[in-house]
Amino acid sequence: MGDSLKDLLEAEAQAEAIVAEGEQERDAIVQKALDDAREMEQQFRDRLPEMHQSFVDKAEKRAQQTIAEIKLRYDERNKVLRDQAGEHEQEVLERALALILEGAAGRP
């Protein structure tokens, strides 16, 4: 019975050693995960200015495209209005001359 008790105590000591080793490995894994998370967070923070600038660049590009489209529509509309004005220029001059002549004829 003495040997059985001795074997049980040795088995318990080995089990405690295995549990302690497992806890150390778990703690090491948890610490590594925390370190990795901190590193990834720092990398993210380091990239924030770059990501912000990228966003600003894209926004500026879209704004420039929108401005170019608006300018194109403005130029097209301006051309249409100038063409219409040119088409009616002779008619306007004739009416203006008629009004002037009517006014001059009505005066003594």
N, C-alpha and C. Protein backbone atom coordinates (compact mmCIF):
# COMPACT_ATOMS: atom_id res chain seq x y z
N MET A 1 0.81 -1.18 0.00
CA MET A 1 0.00 0.00 0.00
C MET A 1 0.86 1.25 0.00
N GLY A 2 2.03 1.16 0.58
CA GLY A 2 2.94 2.28 0.61
C GLY A 2 3.37 2.70 -0.78
N ASP A 3 3.60 1.69 -1.63
CA ASP A 3 4.00 2.01 -3.01
C ASP A 3 2.83 2.64 -3.77
N SER A 4 1.63 2.18 -3.53
CA SER A 4 0.45 2.74 -4.21
C SER A 4 0.25 4.19 -3.82
N LEU A 5 0.42 4.48 -2.55
CA LEU A 5 0.29 5.85 -2.08
C LEU A 5 1.38 6.72 -2.69
N LYS A 6 2.58 6.17 -2.72
CA LYS A 6 3.71 6.89 -3.31
C LYS A 6 3.44 7.13 -4.79
N ASP A 7 2.91 6.13 -5.51
CA ASP A 7 2.60 6.28 -6.93
C ASP A 7 1.51 7.33 -7.14
N LEU A 8 0.51 7.31 -6.26
CA LEU A 8 -0.57 8.30 -6.37
C LEU A 8 -0.04 9.71 -6.12
N LEU A 9 0.84 9.88 -5.16
CA LEU A 9 1.42 11.19 -4.89
C LEU A 9 2.27 11.67 -6.05
N GLU A 10 3.02 10.76 -6.65
CA GLU A 10 3.83 11.11 -7.83
C GLU A 10 2.92 11.47 -9.00
N ALA A 11 1.84 10.71 -9.19
CA ALA A 11 0.89 11.00 -10.27
C ALA A 11 0.24 12.36 -10.05
N GLU A 12 -0.10 12.65 -8.79
CA GLU A 12 -0.70 13.96 -8.48
C GLU A 12 0.30 15.07 -8.74
N ALA A 13 1.53 14.87 -8.38
CA ALA A 13 2.57 15.88 -8.62
C ALA A 13 2.76 16.09 -10.12
N GLN A 14 2.75 15.00 -10.87
CA GLN A 14 2.89 15.12 -12.33
C GLN A 14 1.68 15.85 -12.92
N ALA A 15 0.50 15.52 -12.42
CA ALA A 15 -0.72 16.18 -12.90
C ALA A 15 -0.67 17.67 -12.60
N GLU A 16 -0.23 18.03 -11.40
CA GLU A 16 -0.12 19.44 -11.04
C GLU A 16 0.91 20.14 -11.91
N ALA A 17 1.99 19.45 -12.23
CA ALA A 17 3.01 20.02 -13.11
C ALA A 17 2.44 20.25 -14.50
N ILE A 18 1.66 19.26 -14.99
CA ILE A 18 1.04 19.39 -16.32
C ILE A 18 0.04 20.56 -16.32
N VAL A 19 -0.76 20.66 -15.27
CA VAL A 19 -1.73 21.76 -15.16
C VAL A 19 -0.99 23.09 -15.11
N ALA A 20 0.07 23.17 -14.32
CA ALA A 20 0.85 24.41 -14.22
C ALA A 20 1.45 24.77 -15.57
N GLU A 21 1.98 23.78 -16.28
CA GLU A 21 2.55 24.02 -17.61
C GLU A 21 1.46 24.49 -18.58
N GLY A 22 0.29 23.87 -18.50
CA GLY A 22 -0.83 24.29 -19.34
C GLY A 22 -1.26 25.71 -19.06
N GLU A 23 -1.30 26.07 -17.77
CA GLU A 23 -1.65 27.44 -17.40
C GLU A 23 -0.62 28.43 -17.91
N GLN A 24 0.65 28.06 -17.84
CA GLN A 24 1.71 28.94 -18.35
C GLN A 24 1.57 29.11 -19.86
N GLU A 25 1.29 28.01 -20.56
CA GLU A 25 1.10 28.09 -22.01
C GLU A 25 -0.11 28.96 -22.34
N ARG A 26 -1.20 28.78 -21.58
CA ARG A 26 -2.41 29.59 -21.79
C ARG A 26 -2.09 31.06 -21.57
N ASP A 27 -1.39 31.37 -20.49
CA ASP A 27 -1.02 32.75 -20.19
C ASP A 27 -0.14 33.32 -21.30
N ALA A 28 0.78 32.49 -21.81
CA ALA A 28 1.65 32.94 -22.90
C ALA A 28 0.84 33.22 -24.16
N ILE A 29 -0.13 32.35 -24.44
CA ILE A 29 -0.98 32.54 -25.63
C ILE A 29 -1.82 33.80 -25.48
N VAL A 30 -2.39 34.00 -24.30
CA VAL A 30 -3.19 35.20 -24.04
C VAL A 30 -2.33 36.45 -24.18
N GLN A 31 -1.14 36.42 -23.61
CA GLN A 31 -0.24 37.58 -23.70
C GLN A 31 0.15 37.86 -25.14
N LYS A 32 0.43 36.81 -25.90
CA LYS A 32 0.78 36.97 -27.33
C LYS A 32 -0.39 37.58 -28.08
N ALA A 33 -1.60 37.10 -27.80
CA ALA A 33 -2.79 37.65 -28.46
C ALA A 33 -2.97 39.13 -28.11
N LEU A 34 -2.76 39.48 -26.86
CA LEU A 34 -2.85 40.89 -26.45
C LEU A 34 -1.80 41.74 -27.14
N ASP A 35 -0.57 41.22 -27.19
CA ASP A 35 0.51 41.95 -27.86
C ASP A 35 0.20 42.13 -29.34
N ASP A 36 -0.30 41.06 -29.98
CA ASP A 36 -0.66 41.15 -31.39
C ASP A 36 -1.77 42.18 -31.61
N ALA A 37 -2.77 42.17 -30.72
CA ALA A 37 -3.87 43.13 -30.83
C ALA A 37 -3.36 44.56 -30.69
N ARG A 38 -2.47 44.78 -29.73
CA ARG A 38 -1.90 46.12 -29.55
C ARG A 38 -1.10 46.55 -30.78
N GLU A 39 -0.36 45.61 -31.33
CA GLU A 39 0.43 45.92 -32.53
C GLU A 39 -0.48 46.26 -33.70
N MET A 40 -1.53 45.49 -33.87
CA MET A 40 -2.47 45.76 -34.96
C MET A 40 -3.17 47.10 -34.76
N GLU A 41 -3.52 47.41 -33.52
CA GLU A 41 -4.15 48.69 -33.23
C GLU A 41 -3.19 49.84 -33.54
N GLN A 42 -1.93 49.67 -33.19
CA GLN A 42 -0.94 50.71 -33.48
C GLN A 42 -0.74 50.87 -34.98
N GLN A 43 -0.71 49.77 -35.71
CA GLN A 43 -0.60 49.84 -37.16
C GLN A 43 -1.79 50.59 -37.75
N PHE A 44 -2.97 50.31 -37.20
CA PHE A 44 -4.17 51.02 -37.67
C PHE A 44 -4.04 52.52 -37.40
N ARG A 45 -3.61 52.86 -36.19
CA ARG A 45 -3.43 54.28 -35.86
C ARG A 45 -2.39 54.93 -36.75
N ASP A 46 -1.33 54.19 -37.05
CA ASP A 46 -0.28 54.73 -37.91
C ASP A 46 -0.80 54.96 -39.33
N ARG A 47 -1.77 54.16 -39.76
CA ARG A 47 -2.31 54.28 -41.12
C ARG A 47 -3.44 55.30 -41.22
N LEU A 48 -3.95 55.78 -40.09
CA LEU A 48 -5.08 56.72 -40.13
C LEU A 48 -4.80 57.95 -41.01
N PRO A 49 -3.66 58.61 -40.88
CA PRO A 49 -3.42 59.76 -41.75
C PRO A 49 -3.44 59.38 -43.24
N GLU A 50 -2.86 58.25 -43.56
CA GLU A 50 -2.85 57.78 -44.95
C GLU A 50 -4.28 57.51 -45.44
N MET A 51 -5.08 56.85 -44.61
CA MET A 51 -6.47 56.56 -45.00
C MET A 51 -7.26 57.86 -45.12
N HIS A 52 -7.01 58.79 -44.22
CA HIS A 52 -7.70 60.08 -44.28
C HIS A 52 -7.34 60.81 -45.57
N GLN A 53 -6.05 60.83 -45.89
CA GLN A 53 -5.61 61.51 -47.12
C GLN A 53 -6.21 60.85 -48.35
N SER A 54 -6.29 59.53 -48.33
CA SER A 54 -6.90 58.81 -49.45
C SER A 54 -8.35 59.23 -49.61
N PHE A 55 -9.07 59.34 -48.50
CA PHE A 55 -10.46 59.77 -48.54
C PHE A 55 -10.56 61.18 -49.09
N VAL A 56 -9.69 62.06 -48.62
CA VAL A 56 -9.71 63.45 -49.09
C VAL A 56 -9.40 63.51 -50.59
N ASP A 57 -8.42 62.73 -51.03
CA ASP A 57 -8.06 62.71 -52.46
C ASP A 57 -9.23 62.25 -53.31
N LYS A 58 -9.92 61.20 -52.86
CA LYS A 58 -11.08 60.71 -53.62
C LYS A 58 -12.19 61.75 -53.64
N ALA A 59 -12.42 62.41 -52.51
CA ALA A 59 -13.46 63.44 -52.44
C ALA A 59 -13.12 64.60 -53.37
N GLU A 60 -11.85 65.00 -53.39
CA GLU A 60 -11.43 66.09 -54.28
C GLU A 60 -11.60 65.68 -55.74
N LYS A 61 -11.25 64.45 -56.06
CA LYS A 61 -11.40 63.98 -57.44
C LYS A 61 -12.86 64.00 -57.86
N ARG A 62 -13.76 63.52 -56.96
CA ARG A 62 -15.19 63.55 -57.28
C ARG A 62 -15.69 64.98 -57.43
N ALA A 63 -15.19 65.88 -56.58
CA ALA A 63 -15.60 67.28 -56.67
C ALA A 63 -15.14 67.88 -58.00
N GLN A 64 -13.91 67.58 -58.40
CA GLN A 64 -13.41 68.10 -59.68
C GLN A 64 -14.22 67.55 -60.85
N GLN A 65 -14.60 66.27 -60.78
CA GLN A 65 -15.43 65.69 -61.83
C GLN A 65 -16.79 66.37 -61.89
N THR A 66 -17.36 66.62 -60.72
CA THR A 66 -18.67 67.27 -60.67
C THR A 66 -18.58 68.69 -61.22
N ILE A 67 -17.53 69.41 -60.85
CA ILE A 67 -17.33 70.77 -61.36
C ILE A 67 -17.18 70.75 -62.88
N ALA A 68 -16.42 69.79 -63.39
CA ALA A 68 -16.23 69.69 -64.84
C ALA A 68 -17.56 69.40 -65.54
N GLU A 69 -18.38 68.52 -64.96
CA GLU A 69 -19.68 68.21 -65.56
C GLU A 69 -20.60 69.43 -65.53
N ILE A 70 -20.60 70.16 -64.42
CA ILE A 70 -21.44 71.35 -64.32
C ILE A 70 -20.97 72.41 -65.32
N LYS A 71 -19.65 72.57 -65.44
CA LYS A 71 -19.11 73.55 -66.39
C LYS A 71 -19.49 73.17 -67.83
N LEU A 72 -19.42 71.88 -68.13
CA LEU A 72 -19.79 71.43 -69.46
C LEU A 72 -21.26 71.73 -69.74
N ARG A 73 -22.13 71.42 -68.76
CA ARG A 73 -23.56 71.72 -68.94
C ARG A 73 -23.79 73.23 -69.07
N TYR A 74 -23.04 74.03 -68.29
CA TYR A 74 -23.17 75.48 -68.38
C TYR A 74 -22.75 75.96 -69.77
N ASP A 75 -21.62 75.46 -70.24
CA ASP A 75 -21.13 75.87 -71.57
C ASP A 75 -22.12 75.47 -72.66
N GLU A 76 -22.70 74.26 -72.55
CA GLU A 76 -23.68 73.81 -73.54
C GLU A 76 -24.91 74.71 -73.51
N ARG A 77 -25.40 75.02 -72.31
CA ARG A 77 -26.60 75.88 -72.18
C ARG A 77 -26.29 77.28 -72.68
N ASN A 78 -25.11 77.79 -72.38
CA ASN A 78 -24.70 79.11 -72.83
C ASN A 78 -24.67 79.15 -74.36
N LYS A 79 -24.18 78.10 -74.98
CA LYS A 79 -24.14 78.05 -76.45
C LYS A 79 -25.55 78.06 -77.03
N VAL A 80 -26.44 77.27 -76.42
CA VAL A 80 -27.83 77.23 -76.89
C VAL A 80 -28.46 78.62 -76.79
N LEU A 81 -28.23 79.30 -75.69
CA LEU A 81 -28.81 80.64 -75.51
C LEU A 81 -28.23 81.63 -76.50
N ARG A 82 -26.92 81.53 -76.74
CA ARG A 82 -26.30 82.44 -77.72
C ARG A 82 -26.83 82.17 -79.13
N ASP A 83 -27.00 80.89 -79.46
CA ASP A 83 -27.55 80.53 -80.76
C ASP A 83 -28.97 81.08 -80.90
N GLN A 84 -29.77 80.94 -79.85
CA GLN A 84 -31.14 81.45 -79.89
C GLN A 84 -31.13 82.97 -80.01
N ALA A 85 -30.22 83.63 -79.29
CA ALA A 85 -30.13 85.08 -79.37
C ALA A 85 -29.74 85.50 -80.80
N GLY A 86 -28.83 84.77 -81.41
CA GLY A 86 -28.43 85.08 -82.78
C GLY A 86 -29.57 84.90 -83.76
N GLU A 87 -30.38 83.87 -83.52
CA GLU A 87 -31.53 83.61 -84.41
C GLU A 87 -32.56 84.74 -84.31
N HIS A 88 -32.70 85.36 -83.17
CA HIS A 88 -33.72 86.39 -82.97
C HIS A 88 -33.17 87.81 -83.05
N GLU A 89 -31.88 87.93 -83.32
CA GLU A 89 -31.25 89.25 -83.34
C GLU A 89 -31.87 90.16 -84.40
N GLN A 90 -32.07 89.66 -85.61
CA GLN A 90 -32.62 90.47 -86.69
C GLN A 90 -34.05 90.91 -86.36
N GLU A 91 -34.82 90.01 -85.81
CA GLU A 91 -36.21 90.33 -85.44
C GLU A 91 -36.23 91.42 -84.36
N VAL A 92 -35.36 91.33 -83.39
CA VAL A 92 -35.30 92.33 -82.32
C VAL A 92 -34.88 93.69 -82.88
N LEU A 93 -33.91 93.70 -83.79
CA LEU A 93 -33.47 94.96 -84.38
C LEU A 93 -34.60 95.61 -85.19
N GLU A 94 -35.34 94.82 -85.93
CA GLU A 94 -36.45 95.34 -86.72
C GLU A 94 -37.53 95.93 -85.83
N ARG A 95 -37.86 95.22 -84.74
CA ARG A 95 -38.88 95.73 -83.82
C ARG A 95 -38.41 97.00 -83.12
N ALA A 96 -37.14 97.04 -82.73
CA ALA A 96 -36.60 98.23 -82.07
C ALA A 96 -36.64 99.42 -83.02
N LEU A 97 -36.27 99.20 -84.28
CA LEU A 97 -36.29 100.27 -85.28
C LEU A 97 -37.72 100.75 -85.50
N ALA A 98 -38.67 99.81 -85.52
CA ALA A 98 -40.08 100.19 -85.72
C ALA A 98 -40.56 101.03 -84.55
N LEU A 99 -40.18 100.67 -83.33
CA LEU A 99 -40.60 101.44 -82.16
C LEU A 99 -40.01 102.85 -82.19
N ILE A 100 -38.75 102.91 -82.60
CA ILE A 100 -38.09 104.22 -82.68
C ILE A 100 -38.78 105.09 -83.73
N LEU A 101 -39.08 104.48 -84.86
CA LEU A 101 -39.73 105.24 -85.93
C LEU A 101 -41.14 105.67 -85.55
N GLU A 102 -41.86 104.79 -84.87
CA GLU A 102 -43.19 105.14 -84.38
C GLU A 102 -43.13 106.30 -83.40
N GLY A 103 -42.14 106.26 -82.56
CA GLY A 103 -41.99 107.35 -81.57
C GLY A 103 -41.64 108.65 -82.25
N ALA A 104 -40.79 108.58 -83.27
CA ALA A 104 -40.39 109.79 -83.98
C ALA A 104 -41.53 110.32 -84.83
N ALA A 105 -42.35 109.44 -85.34
CA ALA A 105 -43.47 109.86 -86.19
C ALA A 105 -44.57 110.50 -85.34
N GLY A 106 -44.70 110.07 -84.12
CA GLY A 106 -45.75 110.60 -83.26
C GLY A 106 -45.40 111.93 -82.67
N ARG A 107 -44.17 112.36 -82.76
CA ARG A 107 -43.76 113.65 -82.19
C ARG A 107 -43.94 114.76 -83.24
N PRO A 108 -44.30 115.94 -82.77
CA PRO A 108 -44.43 117.06 -83.72
C PRO A 108 -43.12 117.69 -84.09
